[in-house]
């Protein structure tokens, strides 16, 4: 369903994401973990089209969406929800 293949993104000399590859299949749950500054948010921004990738490709439902803008990815059914922590409710 979602394939991330050798995706990279740099900001100047800083390599925020360097050759990341993984697949997420239908009905599969996958976690992305790492310390602060490890590129998790950048990776999600690349998947959603917020940032353009420097290298690699992203496929969703068998289509290469690497160059699709965020709204077109949304129309395909790819979405993102931000966490709103509420520890004392």
PDB file of N, CA and C in Angstrom:
ATOM      1  N   UNK A   1       0.822  -1.190   0.000  1.00  0.00           N
ATOM      2  CA  UNK A   1       0.000   0.000   0.000  1.00  0.00           C
ATOM      3  C   UNK A   1       0.869   1.259   0.000  1.00  0.00           C
ATOM      4  N   UNK A   2       1.826   1.380   0.953  1.00  0.00           N
ATOM      5  CA  UNK A   2       2.760   2.507   0.981  1.00  0.00           C
ATOM      6  C   UNK A   2       4.172   1.954   0.904  1.00  0.00           C
ATOM      7  N   UNK A   3       4.937   2.439  -0.063  1.00  0.00           N
ATOM      8  CA  UNK A   3       6.342   2.043  -0.196  1.00  0.00           C
ATOM      9  C   UNK A   3       7.201   3.296  -0.195  1.00  0.00           C
ATOM     10  N   UNK A   4       8.164   3.320   0.701  1.00  0.00           N
ATOM     11  CA  UNK A   4       9.151   4.390   0.766  1.00  0.00           C
ATOM     12  C   UNK A   4      10.471   3.745   0.375  1.00  0.00           C
ATOM     13  N   UNK A   5      11.079   4.228  -0.702  1.00  0.00           N
ATOM     14  CA  UNK A   5      12.267   3.575  -1.252  1.00  0.00           C
ATOM     15  C   UNK A   5      13.458   4.527  -1.286  1.00  0.00           C
ATOM     16  N   UNK A   6      14.430   4.279  -0.414  1.00  0.00           N
ATOM     17  CA  UNK A   6      15.710   4.990  -0.415  1.00  0.00           C
ATOM     18  C   UNK A   6      15.528   6.512  -0.396  1.00  0.00           C
ATOM     19  N   UNK A   7      14.604   6.993   0.426  1.00  0.00           N
ATOM     20  CA  UNK A   7      14.257   8.413   0.478  1.00  0.00           C
ATOM     21  C   UNK A   7      15.292   9.190   1.286  1.00  0.00           C
ATOM     22  N   UNK A   8      15.683  10.343   0.745  1.00  0.00           N
ATOM     23  CA  UNK A   8      16.667  11.206   1.396  1.00  0.00           C
ATOM     24  C   UNK A   8      16.204  12.656   1.343  1.00  0.00           C
ATOM     25  N   UNK A   9      16.593  13.420   2.372  1.00  0.00           N
ATOM     26  CA  UNK A   9      16.327  14.858   2.414  1.00  0.00           C
ATOM     27  C   UNK A   9      17.420  15.526   3.225  1.00  0.00           C
ATOM     28  N   UNK A  10      17.998  16.574   2.657  1.00  0.00           N
ATOM     29  CA  UNK A  10      19.020  17.357   3.351  1.00  0.00           C
ATOM     30  C   UNK A  10      18.571  18.804   3.442  1.00  0.00           C
ATOM     31  N   UNK A  11      19.006  19.449   4.497  1.00  0.00           N
ATOM     32  CA  UNK A  11      18.827  20.886   4.671  1.00  0.00           C
ATOM     33  C   UNK A  11      20.233  21.455   4.804  1.00  0.00           C
ATOM     34  N   UNK A  12      20.762  21.959   3.703  1.00  0.00           N
ATOM     35  CA  UNK A  12      22.163  22.380   3.697  1.00  0.00           C
ATOM     36  C   UNK A  12      23.055  21.166   3.896  1.00  0.00           C
ATOM     37  N   UNK A  13      23.958  21.240   4.875  1.00  0.00           N
ATOM     38  CA  UNK A  13      24.877  20.127   5.155  1.00  0.00           C
ATOM     39  C   UNK A  13      24.242  19.059   6.049  1.00  0.00           C
ATOM     40  N   UNK A  14      23.060  19.342   6.608  1.00  0.00           N
ATOM     41  CA  UNK A  14      22.400  18.400   7.523  1.00  0.00           C
ATOM     42  C   UNK A  14      21.566  17.383   6.748  1.00  0.00           C
ATOM     43  N   UNK A  15      21.899  16.108   6.892  1.00  0.00           N
ATOM     44  CA  UNK A  15      21.091  15.033   6.286  1.00  0.00           C
ATOM     45  C   UNK A  15      20.013  14.654   7.292  1.00  0.00           C
ATOM     46  N   UNK A  16      18.801  15.120   7.065  1.00  0.00           N
ATOM     47  CA  UNK A  16      17.704  14.853   7.995  1.00  0.00           C
ATOM     48  C   UNK A  16      17.164  13.440   7.819  1.00  0.00           C
ATOM     49  N   UNK A  17      17.087  12.969   6.573  1.00  0.00           N
ATOM     50  CA  UNK A  17      16.639  11.613   6.243  1.00  0.00           C
ATOM     51  C   UNK A  17      17.630  11.088   5.210  1.00  0.00           C
ATOM     52  N   UNK A  18      18.185   9.913   5.464  1.00  0.00           N
ATOM     53  CA  UNK A  18      19.268   9.404   4.613  1.00  0.00           C
ATOM     54  C   UNK A  18      19.009   7.961   4.190  1.00  0.00           C
ATOM     55  N   UNK A  19      18.399   7.778   3.030  1.00  0.00           N
ATOM     56  CA  UNK A  19      18.213   6.448   2.459  1.00  0.00           C
ATOM     57  C   UNK A  19      17.223   5.563   3.194  1.00  0.00           C
ATOM     58  N   UNK A  20      16.115   6.130   3.651  1.00  0.00           N
ATOM     59  CA  UNK A  20      15.107   5.361   4.391  1.00  0.00           C
ATOM     60  C   UNK A  20      14.229   4.567   3.420  1.00  0.00           C
ATOM     61  N   UNK A  21      14.035   3.285   3.735  1.00  0.00           N
ATOM     62  CA  UNK A  21      13.162   2.412   2.943  1.00  0.00           C
ATOM     63  C   UNK A  21      12.302   1.569   3.874  1.00  0.00           C
ATOM     64  N   UNK A  22      11.015   1.450   3.552  1.00  0.00           N
ATOM     65  CA  UNK A  22      10.116   0.546   4.271  1.00  0.00           C
ATOM     66  C   UNK A  22       8.828   0.413   3.477  1.00  0.00           C
ATOM     67  N   UNK A  23       8.032  -0.575   3.844  1.00  0.00           N
ATOM     68  CA  UNK A  23       6.718  -0.788   3.238  1.00  0.00           C
ATOM     69  C   UNK A  23       5.687  -0.953   4.341  1.00  0.00           C
ATOM     70  N   UNK A  24       4.497  -0.445   4.102  1.00  0.00           N
ATOM     71  CA  UNK A  24       3.362  -0.651   4.992  1.00  0.00           C
ATOM     72  C   UNK A  24       2.255  -1.257   4.139  1.00  0.00           C
ATOM     73  N   UNK A  25       1.814  -2.444   4.533  1.00  0.00           N
ATOM     74  CA  UNK A  25       0.778  -3.154   3.786  1.00  0.00           C
ATOM     75  C   UNK A  25      -0.595  -2.873   4.387  1.00  0.00           C
ATOM     76  N   UNK A  26      -1.640  -3.153   3.628  1.00  0.00           N
ATOM     77  CA  UNK A  26      -3.008  -2.935   4.080  1.00  0.00           C
ATOM     78  C   UNK A  26      -3.250  -3.643   5.409  1.00  0.00           C
ATOM     79  N   UNK A  27      -3.891  -2.941   6.336  1.00  0.00           N
ATOM     80  CA  UNK A  27      -4.249  -3.420   7.675  1.00  0.00           C
ATOM     81  C   UNK A  27      -3.040  -3.669   8.572  1.00  0.00           C
ATOM     82  N   UNK A  28      -1.871  -3.217   8.179  1.00  0.00           N
ATOM     83  CA  UNK A  28      -0.662  -3.359   8.987  1.00  0.00           C
ATOM     84  C   UNK A  28      -0.453  -2.077   9.790  1.00  0.00           C
ATOM     85  N   UNK A  29       0.010  -2.219  11.016  1.00  0.00           N
ATOM     86  CA  UNK A  29       0.317  -1.079  11.870  1.00  0.00           C
ATOM     87  C   UNK A  29       1.828  -1.040  12.058  1.00  0.00           C
ATOM     88  N   UNK A  30       2.418   0.119  11.774  1.00  0.00           N
ATOM     89  CA  UNK A  30       3.869   0.282  11.859  1.00  0.00           C
ATOM     90  C   UNK A  30       4.169   1.513  12.696  1.00  0.00           C
ATOM     91  N   UNK A  31       5.171   1.423  13.552  1.00  0.00           N
ATOM     92  CA  UNK A  31       5.610   2.561  14.349  1.00  0.00           C
ATOM     93  C   UNK A  31       6.951   3.075  13.859  1.00  0.00           C
ATOM     94  N   UNK A  32       7.120   4.373  13.899  1.00  0.00           N
ATOM     95  CA  UNK A  32       8.400   5.009  13.574  1.00  0.00           C
ATOM     96  C   UNK A  32       8.902   5.613  14.879  1.00  0.00           C
ATOM     97  N   UNK A  33      10.023   5.102  15.381  1.00  0.00           N
ATOM     98  CA  UNK A  33      10.546   5.594  16.653  1.00  0.00           C
ATOM     99  C   UNK A  33      11.973   6.095  16.474  1.00  0.00           C
ATOM    100  N   UNK A  34      12.371   6.977  17.357  1.00  0.00           N
ATOM    101  CA  UNK A  34      13.729   7.503  17.342  1.00  0.00           C
ATOM    102  C   UNK A  34      13.815   8.704  18.259  1.00  0.00           C
ATOM    103  N   UNK A  35      15.022   9.101  18.607  1.00  0.00           N
ATOM    104  CA  UNK A  35      15.197  10.245  19.504  1.00  0.00           C
ATOM    105  C   UNK A  35      14.829  11.561  18.819  1.00  0.00           C
ATOM    106  N   UNK A  36      14.716  12.611  19.617  1.00  0.00           N
ATOM    107  CA  UNK A  36      14.455  13.942  19.062  1.00  0.00           C
ATOM    108  C   UNK A  36      15.528  14.277  18.029  1.00  0.00           C
ATOM    109  N   UNK A  37      15.108  14.843  16.915  1.00  0.00           N
ATOM    110  CA  UNK A  37      16.054  15.247  15.883  1.00  0.00           C
ATOM    111  C   UNK A  37      16.500  14.143  14.950  1.00  0.00           C
ATOM    112  N   UNK A  38      15.862  12.977  15.027  1.00  0.00           N
ATOM    113  CA  UNK A  38      16.299  11.844  14.202  1.00  0.00           C
ATOM    114  C   UNK A  38      15.652  11.813  12.814  1.00  0.00           C
ATOM    115  N   UNK A  39      14.724  12.727  12.529  1.00  0.00           N
ATOM    116  CA  UNK A  39      14.141  12.810  11.195  1.00  0.00           C
ATOM    117  C   UNK A  39      12.738  12.240  11.051  1.00  0.00           C
ATOM    118  N   UNK A  40      12.087  11.892  12.160  1.00  0.00           N
ATOM    119  CA  UNK A  40      10.743  11.298  12.079  1.00  0.00           C
ATOM    120  C   UNK A  40       9.737  12.265  11.454  1.00  0.00           C
ATOM    121  N   UNK A  41       9.681  13.482  11.940  1.00  0.00           N
ATOM    122  CA  UNK A  41       8.741  14.465  11.408  1.00  0.00           C
ATOM    123  C   UNK A  41       9.081  14.807   9.965  1.00  0.00           C
ATOM    124  N   UNK A  42      10.356  14.931   9.664  1.00  0.00           N
ATOM    125  CA  UNK A  42      10.769  15.189   8.282  1.00  0.00           C
ATOM    126  C   UNK A  42      10.308  14.061   7.373  1.00  0.00           C
ATOM    127  N   UNK A  43      10.437  12.821   7.829  1.00  0.00           N
ATOM    128  CA  UNK A  43       9.985  11.674   7.038  1.00  0.00           C
ATOM    129  C   UNK A  43       8.485  11.769   6.755  1.00  0.00           C
ATOM    130  N   UNK A  44       7.683  12.081   7.766  1.00  0.00           N
ATOM    131  CA  UNK A  44       6.241  12.231   7.548  1.00  0.00           C
ATOM    132  C   UNK A  44       5.947  13.395   6.599  1.00  0.00           C
ATOM    133  N   UNK A  45       6.695  14.483   6.718  1.00  0.00           N
ATOM    134  CA  UNK A  45       6.513  15.609   5.796  1.00  0.00           C
ATOM    135  C   UNK A  45       6.857  15.220   4.361  1.00  0.00           C
ATOM    136  N   UNK A  46       7.836  14.361   4.182  1.00  0.00           N
ATOM    137  CA  UNK A  46       8.178  13.867   2.846  1.00  0.00           C
ATOM    138  C   UNK A  46       7.068  12.976   2.296  1.00  0.00           C
ATOM    139  N   UNK A  47       6.555  12.086   3.129  1.00  0.00           N
ATOM    140  CA  UNK A  47       5.480  11.184   2.698  1.00  0.00           C
ATOM    141  C   UNK A  47       4.237  11.980   2.297  1.00  0.00           C
ATOM    142  N   UNK A  48       3.936  13.035   3.042  1.00  0.00           N
ATOM    143  CA  UNK A  48       2.737  13.827   2.768  1.00  0.00           C
ATOM    144  C   UNK A  48       2.940  14.903   1.704  1.00  0.00           C
ATOM    145  N   UNK A  49       4.182  15.081   1.221  1.00  0.00           N
ATOM    146  CA  UNK A  49       4.435  16.060   0.175  1.00  0.00           C
ATOM    147  C   UNK A  49       4.651  17.473   0.668  1.00  0.00           C
ATOM    148  N   UNK A  50       4.803  17.647   1.979  1.00  0.00           N
ATOM    149  CA  UNK A  50       5.084  18.974   2.533  1.00  0.00           C
ATOM    150  C   UNK A  50       6.471  19.424   2.081  1.00  0.00           C
ATOM    151  N   UNK A  51       7.443  18.499   2.093  1.00  0.00           N
ATOM    152  CA  UNK A  51       8.791  18.744   1.573  1.00  0.00           C
ATOM    153  C   UNK A  51       8.983  17.884   0.332  1.00  0.00           C
ATOM    154  N   UNK A  52       9.762  18.372  -0.613  1.00  0.00           N
ATOM    155  CA  UNK A  52      10.136  17.545  -1.763  1.00  0.00           C
ATOM    156  C   UNK A  52      11.360  16.716  -1.376  1.00  0.00           C
ATOM    157  N   UNK A  53      11.439  15.503  -1.916  1.00  0.00           N
ATOM    158  CA  UNK A  53      12.552  14.627  -1.565  1.00  0.00           C
ATOM    159  C   UNK A  53      13.755  14.930  -2.455  1.00  0.00           C
ATOM    160  N   UNK A  54      14.944  14.701  -1.903  1.00  0.00           N
ATOM    161  CA  UNK A  54      16.182  14.886  -2.664  1.00  0.00           C
ATOM    162  C   UNK A  54      16.522  13.637  -3.470  1.00  0.00           C
ATOM    163  N   UNK A  55      16.108  12.475  -2.987  1.00  0.00           N
ATOM    164  CA  UNK A  55      16.393  11.227  -3.677  1.00  0.00           C
ATOM    165  C   UNK A  55      15.435  10.146  -3.233  1.00  0.00           C
ATOM    166  N   UNK A  56      15.259   9.134  -4.067  1.00  0.00           N
ATOM    167  CA  UNK A  56      14.360   8.030  -3.758  1.00  0.00           C
ATOM    168  C   UNK A  56      12.982   8.246  -4.353  1.00  0.00           C
ATOM    169  N   UNK A  57      12.032   7.429  -3.887  1.00  0.00           N
ATOM    170  CA  UNK A  57      10.659   7.541  -4.389  1.00  0.00           C
ATOM    171  C   UNK A  57       9.669   7.069  -3.343  1.00  0.00           C
ATOM    172  N   UNK A  58       8.439   7.531  -3.499  1.00  0.00           N
ATOM    173  CA  UNK A  58       7.345   7.162  -2.609  1.00  0.00           C
ATOM    174  C   UNK A  58       6.199   6.663  -3.478  1.00  0.00           C
ATOM    175  N   UNK A  59       5.681   5.480  -3.140  1.00  0.00           N
ATOM    176  CA  UNK A  59       4.550   4.902  -3.866  1.00  0.00           C
ATOM    177  C   UNK A  59       3.397   4.680  -2.895  1.00  0.00           C
ATOM    178  N   UNK A  60       2.182   4.938  -3.371  1.00  0.00           N
ATOM    179  CA  UNK A  60       0.980   4.694  -2.582  1.00  0.00           C
ATOM    180  C   UNK A  60      -0.039   4.020  -3.484  1.00  0.00           C
ATOM    181  N   UNK A  61      -0.531   2.887  -3.066  1.00  0.00           N
ATOM    182  CA  UNK A  61      -1.498   2.088  -3.829  1.00  0.00           C
ATOM    183  C   UNK A  61      -1.003   1.817  -5.254  1.00  0.00           C
ATOM    184  N   UNK A  62       0.288   1.536  -5.376  1.00  0.00           N
ATOM    185  CA  UNK A  62       0.874   1.197  -6.664  1.00  0.00           C
ATOM    186  C   UNK A  62       1.213   2.368  -7.572  1.00  0.00           C
ATOM    187  N   UNK A  63       0.963   3.607  -7.121  1.00  0.00           N
ATOM    188  CA  UNK A  63       1.260   4.794  -7.926  1.00  0.00           C
ATOM    189  C   UNK A  63       2.474   5.511  -7.359  1.00  0.00           C
ATOM    190  N   UNK A  64       3.336   5.987  -8.238  1.00  0.00           N
ATOM    191  CA  UNK A  64       4.472   6.806  -7.817  1.00  0.00           C
ATOM    192  C   UNK A  64       3.941   8.202  -7.498  1.00  0.00           C
ATOM    193  N   UNK A  65       3.946   8.563  -6.213  1.00  0.00           N
ATOM    194  CA  UNK A  65       3.418   9.861  -5.787  1.00  0.00           C
ATOM    195  C   UNK A  65       4.537  10.821  -5.389  1.00  0.00           C
ATOM    196  N   UNK A  66       5.766  10.477  -5.738  1.00  0.00           N
ATOM    197  CA  UNK A  66       6.931  11.256  -5.324  1.00  0.00           C
ATOM    198  C   UNK A  66       6.775  12.742  -5.626  1.00  0.00           C
ATOM    199  N   UNK A  67       6.230  13.081  -6.759  1.00  0.00           N
ATOM    200  CA  UNK A  67       6.116  14.488  -7.157  1.00  0.00           C
ATOM    201  C   UNK A  67       4.707  15.056  -6.972  1.00  0.00           C
ATOM    202  N   UNK A  68       3.802  14.284  -6.387  1.00  0.00           N
ATOM    203  CA  UNK A  68       2.437  14.770  -6.167  1.00  0.00           C
ATOM    204  C   UNK A  68       2.435  15.835  -5.067  1.00  0.00           C
ATOM    205  N   UNK A  69       1.649  16.905  -5.220  1.00  0.00           N
ATOM    206  CA  UNK A  69       1.487  17.878  -4.140  1.00  0.00           C
ATOM    207  C   UNK A  69       0.614  17.281  -3.023  1.00  0.00           C
ATOM    208  N   UNK A  70       0.654  17.882  -1.830  1.00  0.00           N
ATOM    209  CA  UNK A  70      -0.106  17.331  -0.699  1.00  0.00           C
ATOM    210  C   UNK A  70      -1.591  17.105  -0.982  1.00  0.00           C
ATOM    211  N   UNK A  71      -2.262  18.039  -1.662  1.00  0.00           N
ATOM    212  CA  UNK A  71      -3.705  17.882  -1.888  1.00  0.00           C
ATOM    213  C   UNK A  71      -4.016  16.679  -2.778  1.00  0.00           C
ATOM    214  N   UNK A  72      -3.140  16.376  -3.726  1.00  0.00           N
ATOM    215  CA  UNK A  72      -3.371  15.226  -4.595  1.00  0.00           C
ATOM    216  C   UNK A  72      -3.171  13.923  -3.817  1.00  0.00           C
ATOM    217  N   UNK A  73      -2.215  13.900  -2.897  1.00  0.00           N
ATOM    218  CA  UNK A  73      -2.002  12.721  -2.043  1.00  0.00           C
ATOM    219  C   UNK A  73      -3.224  12.503  -1.156  1.00  0.00           C
ATOM    220  N   UNK A  74      -3.792  13.593  -0.668  1.00  0.00           N
ATOM    221  CA  UNK A  74      -4.996  13.512   0.165  1.00  0.00           C
ATOM    222  C   UNK A  74      -6.161  12.921  -0.625  1.00  0.00           C
ATOM    223  N   UNK A  75      -6.326  13.330  -1.868  1.00  0.00           N
ATOM    224  CA  UNK A  75      -7.407  12.796  -2.712  1.00  0.00           C
ATOM    225  C   UNK A  75      -7.263  11.299  -2.953  1.00  0.00           C
ATOM    226  N   UNK A  76      -6.033  10.779  -2.866  1.00  0.00           N
ATOM    227  CA  UNK A  76      -5.809   9.337  -3.015  1.00  0.00           C
ATOM    228  C   UNK A  76      -6.133   8.567  -1.732  1.00  0.00           C
ATOM    229  N   UNK A  77      -6.314   9.307  -0.619  1.00  0.00           N
ATOM    230  CA  UNK A  77      -6.631   8.660   0.649  1.00  0.00           C
ATOM    231  C   UNK A  77      -5.499   8.650   1.651  1.00  0.00           C
ATOM    232  N   UNK A  78      -4.413   9.339   1.342  1.00  0.00           N
ATOM    233  CA  UNK A  78      -3.275   9.416   2.255  1.00  0.00           C
ATOM    234  C   UNK A  78      -3.475  10.623   3.158  1.00  0.00           C
ATOM    235  N   UNK A  79      -3.424  10.418   4.464  1.00  0.00           N
ATOM    236  CA  UNK A  79      -3.670  11.506   5.392  1.00  0.00           C
ATOM    237  C   UNK A  79      -2.756  11.468   6.592  1.00  0.00           C
ATOM    238  N   UNK A  80      -2.826  12.520   7.361  1.00  0.00           N
ATOM    239  CA  UNK A  80      -1.981  12.655   8.548  1.00  0.00           C
ATOM    240  C   UNK A  80      -2.793  13.356   9.627  1.00  0.00           C
ATOM    241  N   UNK A  81      -2.662  12.870  10.847  1.00  0.00           N
ATOM    242  CA  UNK A  81      -3.341  13.475  11.991  1.00  0.00           C
ATOM    243  C   UNK A  81      -2.279  13.821  13.023  1.00  0.00           C
ATOM    244  N   UNK A  82      -2.312  15.043  13.501  1.00  0.00           N
ATOM    245  CA  UNK A  82      -1.341  15.470  14.505  1.00  0.00           C
ATOM    246  C   UNK A  82      -1.826  15.095  15.900  1.00  0.00           C
ATOM    247  N   UNK A  83      -0.889  14.707  16.744  1.00  0.00           N
ATOM    248  CA  UNK A  83      -1.211  14.336  18.125  1.00  0.00           C
ATOM    249  C   UNK A  83      -1.471  15.596  18.939  1.00  0.00           C
ATOM    250  N   UNK A  84      -2.524  15.564  19.737  1.00  0.00           N
ATOM    251  CA  UNK A  84      -2.811  16.650  20.666  1.00  0.00           C
ATOM    252  C   UNK A  84      -2.787  16.047  22.069  1.00  0.00           C
ATOM    253  N   UNK A  85      -1.644  16.161  22.764  1.00  0.00           N
ATOM    254  CA  UNK A  85      -1.550  15.541  24.093  1.00  0.00           C
ATOM    255  C   UNK A  85      -2.436  16.258  25.111  1.00  0.00           C
ATOM    256  N   UNK A  86      -3.154  15.475  25.911  1.00  0.00           N
ATOM    257  CA  UNK A  86      -4.013  16.006  26.970  1.00  0.00           C
ATOM    258  C   UNK A  86      -3.847  15.109  28.196  1.00  0.00           C
ATOM    259  N   UNK A  87      -2.729  15.230  28.902  1.00  0.00           N
ATOM    260  CA  UNK A  87      -2.427  14.270  29.968  1.00  0.00           C
ATOM    261  C   UNK A  87      -3.319  14.351  31.205  1.00  0.00           C
ATOM    262  N   UNK A  88      -3.997  15.472  31.456  1.00  0.00           N
ATOM    263  CA  UNK A  88      -4.738  15.613  32.707  1.00  0.00           C
ATOM    264  C   UNK A  88      -6.232  15.808  32.498  1.00  0.00           C
ATOM    265  N   UNK A  89      -6.811  15.102  31.551  1.00  0.00           N
ATOM    266  CA  UNK A  89      -8.263  15.206  31.342  1.00  0.00           C
ATOM    267  C   UNK A  89      -8.981  14.042  31.956  1.00  0.00           C
TER     268      UNK A  89
END
